[in-house]
């Protein structure tokens, strides 16, 4: 049987019929525990961890991945037309100072009239303006989850963005949110006791 994928989802509560369900393990929940729910809601298939040994609902096609978090980032990048290949990226990481450095670099690029974008703690914006990510119109996290990041990158590419300046947290790196991105420049500020 051929299944047409209608979207990619990591939250079974948000899953729509025909979605590909990607099981992510987190600090408080394991996506594999929701395979039955995903199947009942009409998931066309699921991406599961290579080491998953639990039961799989009858009729649910599965694909095993060594790193499901990296897999979802690559899948979403592909789903949105590979914006990772259409722009250059500058990643800023470290315990302190990411926002300051990102804003300084973004301001310099804008002053030089280079079509650029900023993704960070205070806000996310590109050539066409600010991306509201939460009710207050601000970013809800420093480095957005892949479900927010890759559609945003696709819109930035459509707007003619050449360079994306991003704050990249250690948490985002561990969760492989930026796995498909090849950073042209990486800026590492510092390392303090927090990390």
N, C-alpha and C. Protein backbone atom coordinates (compact mmCIF):
# COMPACT_ATOMS: atom_id res chain seq x y z
N UNK A 1 0.83 -1.18 0.00
CA UNK A 1 0.00 0.00 0.00
C UNK A 1 0.88 1.25 0.00
N UNK A 2 0.52 2.22 -0.81
CA UNK A 2 1.26 3.48 -0.89
C UNK A 2 0.60 4.48 0.05
N UNK A 3 1.45 5.14 0.85
CA UNK A 3 0.96 6.17 1.76
C UNK A 3 1.51 7.52 1.30
N UNK A 4 0.65 8.49 1.20
CA UNK A 4 1.07 9.85 0.89
C UNK A 4 1.22 10.59 2.22
N UNK A 5 2.40 11.11 2.47
CA UNK A 5 2.66 11.83 3.71
C UNK A 5 2.07 13.24 3.59
N UNK A 6 1.25 13.61 4.56
CA UNK A 6 0.60 14.92 4.54
C UNK A 6 1.28 15.94 5.43
N UNK A 7 2.27 15.50 6.19
CA UNK A 7 2.98 16.39 7.10
C UNK A 7 3.85 15.58 8.04
N UNK A 8 4.63 16.27 8.85
CA UNK A 8 5.55 15.63 9.79
C UNK A 8 5.21 16.16 11.17
N UNK A 9 5.07 15.24 12.14
CA UNK A 9 4.60 15.63 13.47
C UNK A 9 5.35 14.86 14.56
N UNK A 10 5.63 15.54 15.66
CA UNK A 10 6.28 14.88 16.81
C UNK A 10 5.37 14.83 18.03
N UNK A 11 4.19 15.40 17.94
CA UNK A 11 3.24 15.43 19.05
C UNK A 11 1.97 14.73 18.61
N UNK A 12 1.68 13.58 19.21
CA UNK A 12 0.52 12.81 18.78
C UNK A 12 -0.78 13.58 18.96
N UNK A 13 -0.82 14.53 19.91
CA UNK A 13 -2.02 15.35 20.10
C UNK A 13 -2.27 16.29 18.93
N UNK A 14 -1.23 16.65 18.22
CA UNK A 14 -1.34 17.56 17.08
C UNK A 14 -1.39 16.82 15.74
N UNK A 15 -1.23 15.51 15.79
CA UNK A 15 -1.13 14.71 14.57
C UNK A 15 -2.42 14.74 13.77
N UNK A 16 -2.28 14.90 12.46
CA UNK A 16 -3.42 14.85 11.54
C UNK A 16 -3.29 13.63 10.66
N UNK A 17 -4.41 13.16 10.14
CA UNK A 17 -4.43 11.97 9.30
C UNK A 17 -3.42 12.11 8.16
N UNK A 18 -2.61 11.07 7.99
CA UNK A 18 -1.61 11.07 6.94
C UNK A 18 -0.25 11.60 7.35
N UNK A 19 -0.13 12.11 8.58
CA UNK A 19 1.16 12.63 9.05
C UNK A 19 2.14 11.50 9.31
N UNK A 20 3.42 11.81 9.12
CA UNK A 20 4.51 10.95 9.55
C UNK A 20 4.80 11.32 11.00
N UNK A 21 4.73 10.36 11.90
CA UNK A 21 4.95 10.60 13.33
C UNK A 21 6.38 10.24 13.67
N UNK A 22 7.12 11.19 14.24
CA UNK A 22 8.51 10.97 14.64
C UNK A 22 8.55 10.88 16.16
N UNK A 23 9.01 9.75 16.66
CA UNK A 23 9.07 9.51 18.11
C UNK A 23 10.34 10.13 18.70
N UNK A 24 10.15 11.07 19.60
CA UNK A 24 11.27 11.71 20.27
C UNK A 24 11.26 11.34 21.74
N UNK A 25 12.44 11.06 22.27
CA UNK A 25 12.57 10.81 23.71
C UNK A 25 12.94 12.12 24.38
N UNK A 26 12.20 12.46 25.44
CA UNK A 26 12.47 13.69 26.17
C UNK A 26 12.70 13.41 27.64
N UNK A 27 12.85 14.48 28.40
CA UNK A 27 13.10 14.36 29.84
C UNK A 27 11.87 13.84 30.57
N UNK A 28 10.68 14.14 30.06
CA UNK A 28 9.45 13.78 30.76
C UNK A 28 8.56 12.81 30.00
N UNK A 29 8.80 12.63 28.73
CA UNK A 29 7.95 11.75 27.93
C UNK A 29 8.77 11.08 26.83
N UNK A 30 8.26 9.97 26.35
CA UNK A 30 8.90 9.23 25.26
C UNK A 30 7.86 9.07 24.16
N UNK A 31 8.14 9.61 23.00
CA UNK A 31 7.21 9.53 21.88
C UNK A 31 6.79 8.13 21.52
N UNK A 32 7.63 7.16 21.81
CA UNK A 32 7.28 5.76 21.52
C UNK A 32 6.06 5.31 22.31
N UNK A 33 5.83 5.94 23.46
CA UNK A 33 4.66 5.61 24.28
C UNK A 33 3.35 6.04 23.61
N UNK A 34 3.45 6.82 22.55
CA UNK A 34 2.26 7.36 21.89
C UNK A 34 2.05 6.78 20.49
N UNK A 35 2.73 5.68 20.20
CA UNK A 35 2.57 5.05 18.88
C UNK A 35 1.13 4.61 18.64
N UNK A 36 0.49 4.02 19.66
CA UNK A 36 -0.90 3.59 19.50
C UNK A 36 -1.81 4.78 19.21
N UNK A 37 -1.60 5.88 19.93
CA UNK A 37 -2.40 7.08 19.73
C UNK A 37 -2.18 7.64 18.32
N UNK A 38 -0.91 7.66 17.88
CA UNK A 38 -0.59 8.16 16.54
C UNK A 38 -1.26 7.31 15.47
N UNK A 39 -1.22 5.99 15.65
CA UNK A 39 -1.86 5.09 14.69
C UNK A 39 -3.36 5.31 14.67
N UNK A 40 -3.96 5.48 15.84
CA UNK A 40 -5.41 5.69 15.93
C UNK A 40 -5.82 7.01 15.27
N UNK A 41 -4.95 8.00 15.30
CA UNK A 41 -5.25 9.30 14.70
C UNK A 41 -4.97 9.33 13.20
N UNK A 42 -4.42 8.24 12.66
CA UNK A 42 -4.22 8.16 11.22
C UNK A 42 -2.83 8.41 10.72
N UNK A 43 -1.81 8.24 11.58
CA UNK A 43 -0.43 8.39 11.10
C UNK A 43 -0.18 7.40 9.96
N UNK A 44 0.47 7.87 8.90
CA UNK A 44 0.74 6.98 7.77
C UNK A 44 1.96 6.11 8.04
N UNK A 45 2.84 6.57 8.93
CA UNK A 45 4.06 5.84 9.28
C UNK A 45 4.67 6.52 10.50
N UNK A 46 5.70 5.88 11.05
CA UNK A 46 6.40 6.44 12.21
C UNK A 46 7.89 6.22 12.08
N UNK A 47 8.65 7.20 12.54
CA UNK A 47 10.10 7.07 12.66
C UNK A 47 10.36 6.75 14.12
N UNK A 48 11.03 5.63 14.36
CA UNK A 48 11.30 5.19 15.72
C UNK A 48 12.80 5.05 15.93
N UNK A 49 13.21 5.04 17.19
CA UNK A 49 14.63 4.88 17.52
C UNK A 49 15.10 3.48 17.15
N UNK A 50 16.32 3.39 16.70
CA UNK A 50 16.88 2.10 16.28
C UNK A 50 16.86 1.08 17.41
N UNK A 51 16.98 1.54 18.65
CA UNK A 51 17.03 0.62 19.79
C UNK A 51 15.66 0.37 20.43
N UNK A 52 14.60 0.88 19.83
CA UNK A 52 13.27 0.69 20.41
C UNK A 52 12.87 -0.78 20.31
N UNK A 53 12.50 -1.37 21.46
CA UNK A 53 12.15 -2.79 21.50
C UNK A 53 10.70 -3.03 21.88
N UNK A 54 9.91 -1.97 21.99
CA UNK A 54 8.51 -2.10 22.38
C UNK A 54 7.62 -2.53 21.23
N UNK A 55 6.35 -2.57 21.51
CA UNK A 55 5.38 -3.01 20.49
C UNK A 55 5.08 -1.89 19.50
N UNK A 56 4.70 -2.32 18.30
CA UNK A 56 4.34 -1.41 17.23
C UNK A 56 2.92 -1.76 16.79
N UNK A 57 2.03 -0.79 16.69
CA UNK A 57 0.65 -1.09 16.30
C UNK A 57 0.58 -1.81 14.95
N UNK A 58 -0.33 -2.75 14.84
CA UNK A 58 -0.52 -3.49 13.59
C UNK A 58 -0.82 -2.51 12.45
N UNK A 59 -0.16 -2.74 11.35
CA UNK A 59 -0.41 -1.94 10.15
C UNK A 59 0.33 -0.63 10.08
N UNK A 60 1.04 -0.23 11.16
CA UNK A 60 1.79 1.03 11.14
C UNK A 60 3.19 0.78 10.60
N UNK A 61 3.48 1.36 9.46
CA UNK A 61 4.81 1.25 8.85
C UNK A 61 5.79 2.05 9.70
N UNK A 62 6.97 1.49 9.94
CA UNK A 62 7.98 2.21 10.74
C UNK A 62 9.32 2.22 10.03
N UNK A 63 10.08 3.25 10.33
CA UNK A 63 11.45 3.39 9.87
C UNK A 63 12.29 3.63 11.11
N UNK A 64 13.39 2.92 11.25
CA UNK A 64 14.27 3.08 12.41
C UNK A 64 15.39 4.08 12.09
N UNK A 65 15.68 4.95 13.06
CA UNK A 65 16.73 5.95 12.90
C UNK A 65 17.64 5.91 14.12
N UNK A 66 18.93 6.07 13.89
CA UNK A 66 19.88 6.10 15.02
C UNK A 66 19.61 7.31 15.91
N UNK A 67 19.28 8.43 15.31
CA UNK A 67 19.04 9.67 16.05
C UNK A 67 17.74 10.29 15.54
N UNK A 68 16.64 10.06 16.23
CA UNK A 68 15.35 10.55 15.76
C UNK A 68 15.28 12.08 15.79
N UNK A 69 16.01 12.71 16.70
CA UNK A 69 15.99 14.18 16.73
C UNK A 69 16.67 14.76 15.49
N UNK A 70 17.78 14.20 15.09
CA UNK A 70 18.42 14.65 13.84
C UNK A 70 17.53 14.30 12.65
N UNK A 71 16.89 13.14 12.70
CA UNK A 71 16.01 12.71 11.61
C UNK A 71 14.88 13.70 11.39
N UNK A 72 14.25 14.16 12.48
CA UNK A 72 13.13 15.09 12.31
C UNK A 72 13.62 16.42 11.73
N UNK A 73 14.81 16.86 12.12
CA UNK A 73 15.35 18.11 11.56
C UNK A 73 15.60 17.94 10.05
N UNK A 74 16.20 16.83 9.65
CA UNK A 74 16.45 16.59 8.22
C UNK A 74 15.13 16.43 7.46
N UNK A 75 14.18 15.73 8.04
CA UNK A 75 12.89 15.53 7.38
C UNK A 75 12.17 16.87 7.16
N UNK A 76 12.16 17.71 8.20
CA UNK A 76 11.48 19.00 8.07
C UNK A 76 12.21 19.92 7.11
N UNK A 77 13.53 19.88 7.10
CA UNK A 77 14.30 20.67 6.14
C UNK A 77 13.92 20.24 4.71
N UNK A 78 13.85 18.94 4.47
CA UNK A 78 13.46 18.45 3.15
C UNK A 78 12.02 18.80 2.82
N UNK A 79 11.12 18.66 3.80
CA UNK A 79 9.70 18.94 3.60
C UNK A 79 9.49 20.39 3.15
N UNK A 80 10.28 21.30 3.69
CA UNK A 80 10.15 22.72 3.37
C UNK A 80 11.10 23.18 2.26
N UNK A 81 11.56 22.26 1.45
CA UNK A 81 12.33 22.62 0.26
C UNK A 81 13.80 22.88 0.50
N UNK A 82 14.36 22.32 1.54
CA UNK A 82 15.78 22.44 1.89
C UNK A 82 16.27 23.90 1.98
N UNK A 83 15.65 24.68 2.85
CA UNK A 83 16.15 26.05 3.03
C UNK A 83 17.59 26.07 3.54
N UNK A 84 18.03 24.98 4.14
CA UNK A 84 19.41 24.90 4.63
C UNK A 84 20.43 25.07 3.51
N UNK A 85 20.02 24.80 2.27
CA UNK A 85 20.94 24.89 1.14
C UNK A 85 20.81 26.21 0.39
N UNK A 86 19.89 27.07 0.81
CA UNK A 86 19.61 28.29 0.06
C UNK A 86 20.19 29.55 0.70
N UNK A 87 20.72 29.42 1.93
CA UNK A 87 21.25 30.58 2.64
C UNK A 87 22.54 30.20 3.35
N UNK A 88 23.26 31.21 3.82
CA UNK A 88 24.43 30.98 4.65
C UNK A 88 24.04 31.21 6.10
N UNK A 89 24.69 30.49 7.01
CA UNK A 89 24.32 30.54 8.42
C UNK A 89 25.52 30.91 9.28
N UNK A 90 25.24 31.76 10.27
CA UNK A 90 26.22 32.11 11.30
C UNK A 90 25.60 31.66 12.62
N UNK A 91 26.28 30.77 13.33
CA UNK A 91 25.80 30.28 14.61
C UNK A 91 26.60 30.86 15.75
N UNK A 92 25.90 31.36 16.76
CA UNK A 92 26.56 31.94 17.93
C UNK A 92 26.17 31.11 19.14
N UNK A 93 27.16 30.59 19.84
CA UNK A 93 26.89 29.76 21.01
C UNK A 93 27.80 30.15 22.16
N UNK A 94 27.58 29.54 23.30
CA UNK A 94 28.32 29.87 24.51
C UNK A 94 27.33 30.17 25.62
N UNK A 95 27.82 30.23 26.83
CA UNK A 95 26.92 30.42 27.97
C UNK A 95 26.31 31.81 27.98
N UNK A 96 27.12 32.84 27.82
CA UNK A 96 26.64 34.22 27.92
C UNK A 96 27.01 35.01 26.67
N UNK A 97 26.18 35.99 26.34
CA UNK A 97 26.50 36.94 25.28
C UNK A 97 26.00 36.61 23.90
N UNK A 98 25.27 35.51 23.74
CA UNK A 98 24.79 35.13 22.41
C UNK A 98 23.91 36.21 21.80
N UNK A 99 22.98 36.73 22.59
CA UNK A 99 22.04 37.73 22.08
C UNK A 99 22.77 39.01 21.66
N UNK A 100 23.67 39.47 22.49
CA UNK A 100 24.41 40.70 22.18
C UNK A 100 25.21 40.56 20.89
N UNK A 101 25.94 39.47 20.77
CA UNK A 101 26.76 39.26 19.58
C UNK A 101 25.88 39.10 18.34
N UNK A 102 24.76 38.37 18.48
CA UNK A 102 23.86 38.17 17.34
C UNK A 102 23.30 39.50 16.86
N UNK A 103 22.85 40.35 17.79
CA UNK A 103 22.28 41.64 17.40
C UNK A 103 23.34 42.55 16.77
N UNK A 104 24.55 42.53 17.29
CA UNK A 104 25.62 43.36 16.70
C UNK A 104 25.91 42.92 15.27
N UNK A 105 26.06 41.62 15.06
CA UNK A 105 26.35 41.11 13.73
C UNK A 105 25.19 41.36 12.77
N UNK A 106 23.98 41.12 13.25
CA UNK A 106 22.79 41.36 12.43
C UNK A 106 22.70 42.84 12.03
N UNK A 107 22.96 43.72 12.99
CA UNK A 107 22.94 45.16 12.70
C UNK A 107 23.98 45.56 11.66
N UNK A 108 25.17 44.99 11.75
CA UNK A 108 26.23 45.28 10.77
C UNK A 108 25.84 44.80 9.37
N UNK A 109 25.26 43.61 9.30
CA UNK A 109 24.84 43.08 8.00
C UNK A 109 23.73 43.93 7.39
N UNK A 110 22.78 44.34 8.22
CA UNK A 110 21.69 45.20 7.73
C UNK A 110 22.25 46.55 7.25
N UNK A 111 23.19 47.10 8.02
CA UNK A 111 23.80 48.37 7.65
C UNK A 111 24.52 48.25 6.31
N UNK A 112 25.12 47.08 6.06
CA UNK A 112 25.81 46.82 4.79
C UNK A 112 24.83 46.48 3.67
N UNK A 113 23.53 46.52 3.97
CA UNK A 113 22.45 46.24 3.02
C UNK A 113 22.51 44.83 2.45
N UNK A 114 22.91 43.89 3.29
CA UNK A 114 22.90 42.48 2.92
C UNK A 114 21.59 41.88 3.42
N UNK A 115 20.79 41.27 2.56
CA UNK A 115 19.53 40.67 3.02
C UNK A 115 19.83 39.58 4.06
N UNK A 116 19.42 39.84 5.30
CA UNK A 116 19.80 38.94 6.39
C UNK A 116 18.63 38.72 7.33
N UNK A 117 18.81 37.78 8.24
CA UNK A 117 17.78 37.45 9.22
C UNK A 117 18.44 37.19 10.56
N UNK A 118 17.62 37.29 11.61
CA UNK A 118 18.07 37.04 12.97
C UNK A 118 17.10 36.05 13.62
N UNK A 119 17.65 35.01 14.23
CA UNK A 119 16.86 34.06 15.00
C UNK A 119 17.48 34.00 16.38
N UNK A 120 16.70 34.41 17.40
CA UNK A 120 17.29 34.44 18.72
C UNK A 120 16.28 34.65 19.84
N UNK A 121 16.82 34.91 21.00
CA UNK A 121 16.03 35.00 22.23
C UNK A 121 15.01 36.11 22.21
N UNK A 122 15.40 37.29 21.77
CA UNK A 122 14.53 38.45 21.82
C UNK A 122 13.45 38.38 20.74
N UNK A 123 13.88 38.06 19.52
CA UNK A 123 12.92 37.89 18.43
C UNK A 123 13.59 37.26 17.21
N UNK A 124 12.73 36.91 16.28
CA UNK A 124 13.17 36.36 15.01
C UNK A 124 12.64 37.29 13.93
N UNK A 125 13.52 37.73 13.04
CA UNK A 125 13.06 38.62 11.98
C UNK A 125 13.90 38.43 10.73
N UNK A 126 13.30 38.82 9.62
CA UNK A 126 13.97 38.74 8.33
C UNK A 126 13.67 39.96 7.51
N UNK A 127 13.97 39.92 6.21
CA UNK A 127 13.75 41.08 5.35
C UNK A 127 12.30 41.59 5.34
N UNK A 128 11.33 40.70 5.57
CA UNK A 128 9.92 41.12 5.55
C UNK A 128 9.37 41.47 6.93
N UNK A 129 10.20 41.42 7.96
CA UNK A 129 9.74 41.79 9.29
C UNK A 129 9.87 40.70 10.33
N UNK A 130 9.16 40.87 11.44
CA UNK A 130 9.27 39.99 12.60
C UNK A 130 8.39 38.77 12.45
N UNK A 131 8.90 37.63 12.89
CA UNK A 131 8.14 36.38 12.96
C UNK A 131 7.57 36.24 14.36
N UNK A 132 6.27 36.34 14.54
CA UNK A 132 5.71 36.11 15.87
C UNK A 132 5.64 34.60 16.14
N UNK A 133 6.25 34.17 17.24
CA UNK A 133 6.24 32.75 17.58
C UNK A 133 5.39 32.42 18.79
N UNK A 134 5.05 33.43 19.57
CA UNK A 134 4.16 33.16 20.70
C UNK A 134 3.17 34.33 20.82
N UNK A 135 2.31 34.26 21.80
CA UNK A 135 1.24 35.25 21.95
C UNK A 135 1.78 36.67 22.10
N UNK A 136 2.98 36.82 22.66
CA UNK A 136 3.54 38.16 22.86
C UNK A 136 4.26 38.68 21.62
N UNK A 137 4.39 37.84 20.60
CA UNK A 137 5.08 38.26 19.38
C UNK A 137 6.58 38.06 19.46
N UNK A 138 7.04 37.39 20.50
CA UNK A 138 8.47 37.15 20.67
C UNK A 138 8.79 35.67 20.45
N UNK A 139 10.04 35.39 20.29
CA UNK A 139 10.48 34.01 20.19
C UNK A 139 10.17 33.31 21.51
N UNK A 140 9.78 32.06 21.44
CA UNK A 140 9.47 31.34 22.68
C UNK A 140 10.66 30.55 23.18
N UNK A 141 11.72 30.53 22.42
CA UNK A 141 12.97 29.91 22.86
C UNK A 141 14.08 30.45 21.98
N UNK A 142 15.30 30.36 22.47
CA UNK A 142 16.43 30.94 21.75
C UNK A 142 16.60 30.30 20.38
N UNK A 143 16.68 28.99 20.34
CA UNK A 143 16.77 28.26 19.07
C UNK A 143 15.47 27.48 18.92
N UNK A 144 14.61 27.87 18.00
CA UNK A 144 13.30 27.21 17.89
C UNK A 144 13.42 25.71 17.62
N UNK A 145 12.38 24.97 18.03
CA UNK A 145 12.29 23.55 17.70
C UNK A 145 12.20 23.41 16.18
N UNK A 146 12.59 22.25 15.65
CA UNK A 146 12.55 22.05 14.20
C UNK A 146 11.19 22.34 13.57
N UNK A 147 10.10 22.04 14.27
CA UNK A 147 8.76 22.29 13.72
C UNK A 147 8.50 23.77 13.47
N UNK A 148 9.21 24.64 14.18
CA UNK A 148 9.10 26.08 13.97
C UNK A 148 10.24 26.59 13.09
N UNK A 149 11.42 26.03 13.29
CA UNK A 149 12.62 26.55 12.63
C UNK A 149 12.59 26.38 11.11
N UNK A 150 12.27 25.20 10.62
CA UNK A 150 12.40 24.96 9.18
C UNK A 150 11.34 25.66 8.34
N UNK A 151 10.07 25.77 8.80
CA UNK A 151 9.15 26.61 8.03
C UNK A 151 9.58 28.09 8.03
N UNK A 152 10.16 28.52 9.16
CA UNK A 152 10.66 29.89 9.23
C UNK A 152 11.80 30.09 8.24
N UNK A 153 12.73 29.14 8.19
CA UNK A 153 13.84 29.24 7.25
C UNK A 153 13.35 29.24 5.81
N UNK A 154 12.31 28.45 5.52
CA UNK A 154 11.76 28.43 4.17
C UNK A 154 11.21 29.81 3.79
N UNK A 155 10.51 30.46 4.74
CA UNK A 155 9.97 31.80 4.48
C UNK A 155 11.10 32.81 4.29
N UNK A 156 12.15 32.67 5.10
CA UNK A 156 13.29 33.57 4.95
C UNK A 156 13.95 33.41 3.59
N UNK A 157 14.07 32.18 3.12
CA UNK A 157 14.65 31.95 1.79
C UNK A 157 13.77 32.58 0.72
N UNK A 158 12.44 32.46 0.85
CA UNK A 158 11.52 33.08 -0.11
C UNK A 158 11.66 34.60 -0.12
N UNK A 159 12.02 35.18 1.01
CA UNK A 159 12.18 36.63 1.12
C UNK A 159 13.52 37.12 0.58
N UNK A 160 14.35 36.20 0.10
CA UNK A 160 15.64 36.59 -0.46
C UNK A 160 16.76 36.71 0.54
N UNK A 161 16.58 36.14 1.72
CA UNK A 161 17.62 36.20 2.76
C UNK A 161 18.88 35.51 2.27
N UNK A 162 20.02 36.15 2.48
CA UNK A 162 21.30 35.56 2.12
C UNK A 162 22.03 34.97 3.32
N UNK A 163 21.93 35.65 4.47
CA UNK A 163 22.65 35.22 5.68
C UNK A 163 21.68 35.19 6.85
N UNK A 164 21.69 34.09 7.59
CA UNK A 164 20.89 33.95 8.80
C UNK A 164 21.83 33.93 10.00
N UNK A 165 21.65 34.88 10.91
CA UNK A 165 22.42 34.94 12.15
C UNK A 165 21.56 34.27 13.22
N UNK A 166 22.07 33.21 13.84
CA UNK A 166 21.30 32.43 14.81
C UNK A 166 22.01 32.31 16.14
N UNK A 167 21.22 32.44 17.20
CA UNK A 167 21.71 32.03 18.51
C UNK A 167 21.46 30.52 18.59
N UNK A 168 22.50 29.78 18.90
CA UNK A 168 22.39 28.32 18.96
C UNK A 168 22.78 27.87 20.36
N UNK A 169 21.79 27.46 21.14
CA UNK A 169 22.06 27.06 22.52
C UNK A 169 22.70 25.67 22.58
N UNK A 170 23.32 25.39 23.71
CA UNK A 170 23.88 24.05 23.91
C UNK A 170 22.76 23.01 23.90
N UNK A 171 21.61 23.39 24.42
CA UNK A 171 20.44 22.49 24.43
C UNK A 171 20.03 22.15 23.00
N UNK A 172 20.01 23.17 22.12
CA UNK A 172 19.65 22.95 20.72
C UNK A 172 20.67 22.05 20.03
N UNK A 173 21.93 22.21 20.39
CA UNK A 173 22.97 21.36 19.79
C UNK A 173 22.80 19.90 20.23
N UNK A 174 22.55 19.69 21.51
CA UNK A 174 22.33 18.34 22.02
C UNK A 174 21.10 17.72 21.36
N UNK A 175 20.06 18.51 21.15
CA UNK A 175 18.84 18.01 20.54
C UNK A 175 18.90 17.98 19.01
N UNK A 176 20.02 18.33 18.44
CA UNK A 176 20.28 18.26 17.00
C UNK A 176 19.26 19.04 16.16
N UNK A 177 18.77 20.15 16.71
CA UNK A 177 17.79 20.96 15.99
C UNK A 177 18.35 21.54 14.70
N UNK A 178 19.66 21.78 14.69
CA UNK A 178 20.30 22.42 13.54
C UNK A 178 21.10 21.43 12.70
N UNK A 179 20.82 20.13 12.83
CA UNK A 179 21.61 19.10 12.16
C UNK A 179 21.80 19.34 10.66
N UNK A 180 20.79 19.78 9.90
CA UNK A 180 21.00 19.98 8.46
C UNK A 180 21.76 21.24 8.09
N UNK A 181 21.97 22.14 9.06
CA UNK A 181 22.58 23.43 8.75
C UNK A 181 24.10 23.32 8.74
N UNK A 182 24.70 23.83 7.66
CA UNK A 182 26.16 23.93 7.59
C UNK A 182 26.51 25.39 7.86
N UNK A 183 27.04 25.64 9.05
CA UNK A 183 27.35 27.00 9.44
C UNK A 183 28.62 27.48 8.73
N UNK A 184 28.49 28.63 8.05
CA UNK A 184 29.65 29.24 7.40
C UNK A 184 30.60 29.83 8.42
N UNK A 185 30.02 30.23 9.57
CA UNK A 185 30.81 30.82 10.64
C UNK A 185 30.20 30.41 11.97
N UNK A 186 31.02 29.99 12.88
CA UNK A 186 30.59 29.69 14.23
C UNK A 186 31.30 30.61 15.20
N UNK A 187 30.54 31.21 16.11
CA UNK A 187 31.13 32.10 17.11
C UNK A 187 30.86 31.48 18.48
N UNK A 188 31.94 31.21 19.19
CA UNK A 188 31.83 30.61 20.52
C UNK A 188 32.26 31.66 21.53
N UNK A 189 31.31 32.10 22.36
CA UNK A 189 31.58 33.20 23.28
C UNK A 189 32.38 32.79 24.51
N UNK A 190 31.88 31.82 25.25
CA UNK A 190 32.50 31.49 26.53
C UNK A 190 31.86 30.23 27.09
N UNK A 191 32.43 29.75 28.17
CA UNK A 191 31.89 28.60 28.87
C UNK A 191 31.98 28.89 30.38
N UNK A 192 30.82 28.90 31.04
CA UNK A 192 30.83 29.14 32.48
C UNK A 192 30.24 27.94 33.20
N UNK A 193 30.11 28.03 34.51
CA UNK A 193 29.67 26.90 35.33
C UNK A 193 28.30 26.35 34.93
N UNK A 194 27.45 27.19 34.35
CA UNK A 194 26.13 26.74 33.90
C UNK A 194 26.23 25.52 32.99
N UNK A 195 27.30 25.46 32.22
CA UNK A 195 27.47 24.39 31.24
C UNK A 195 28.63 23.47 31.57
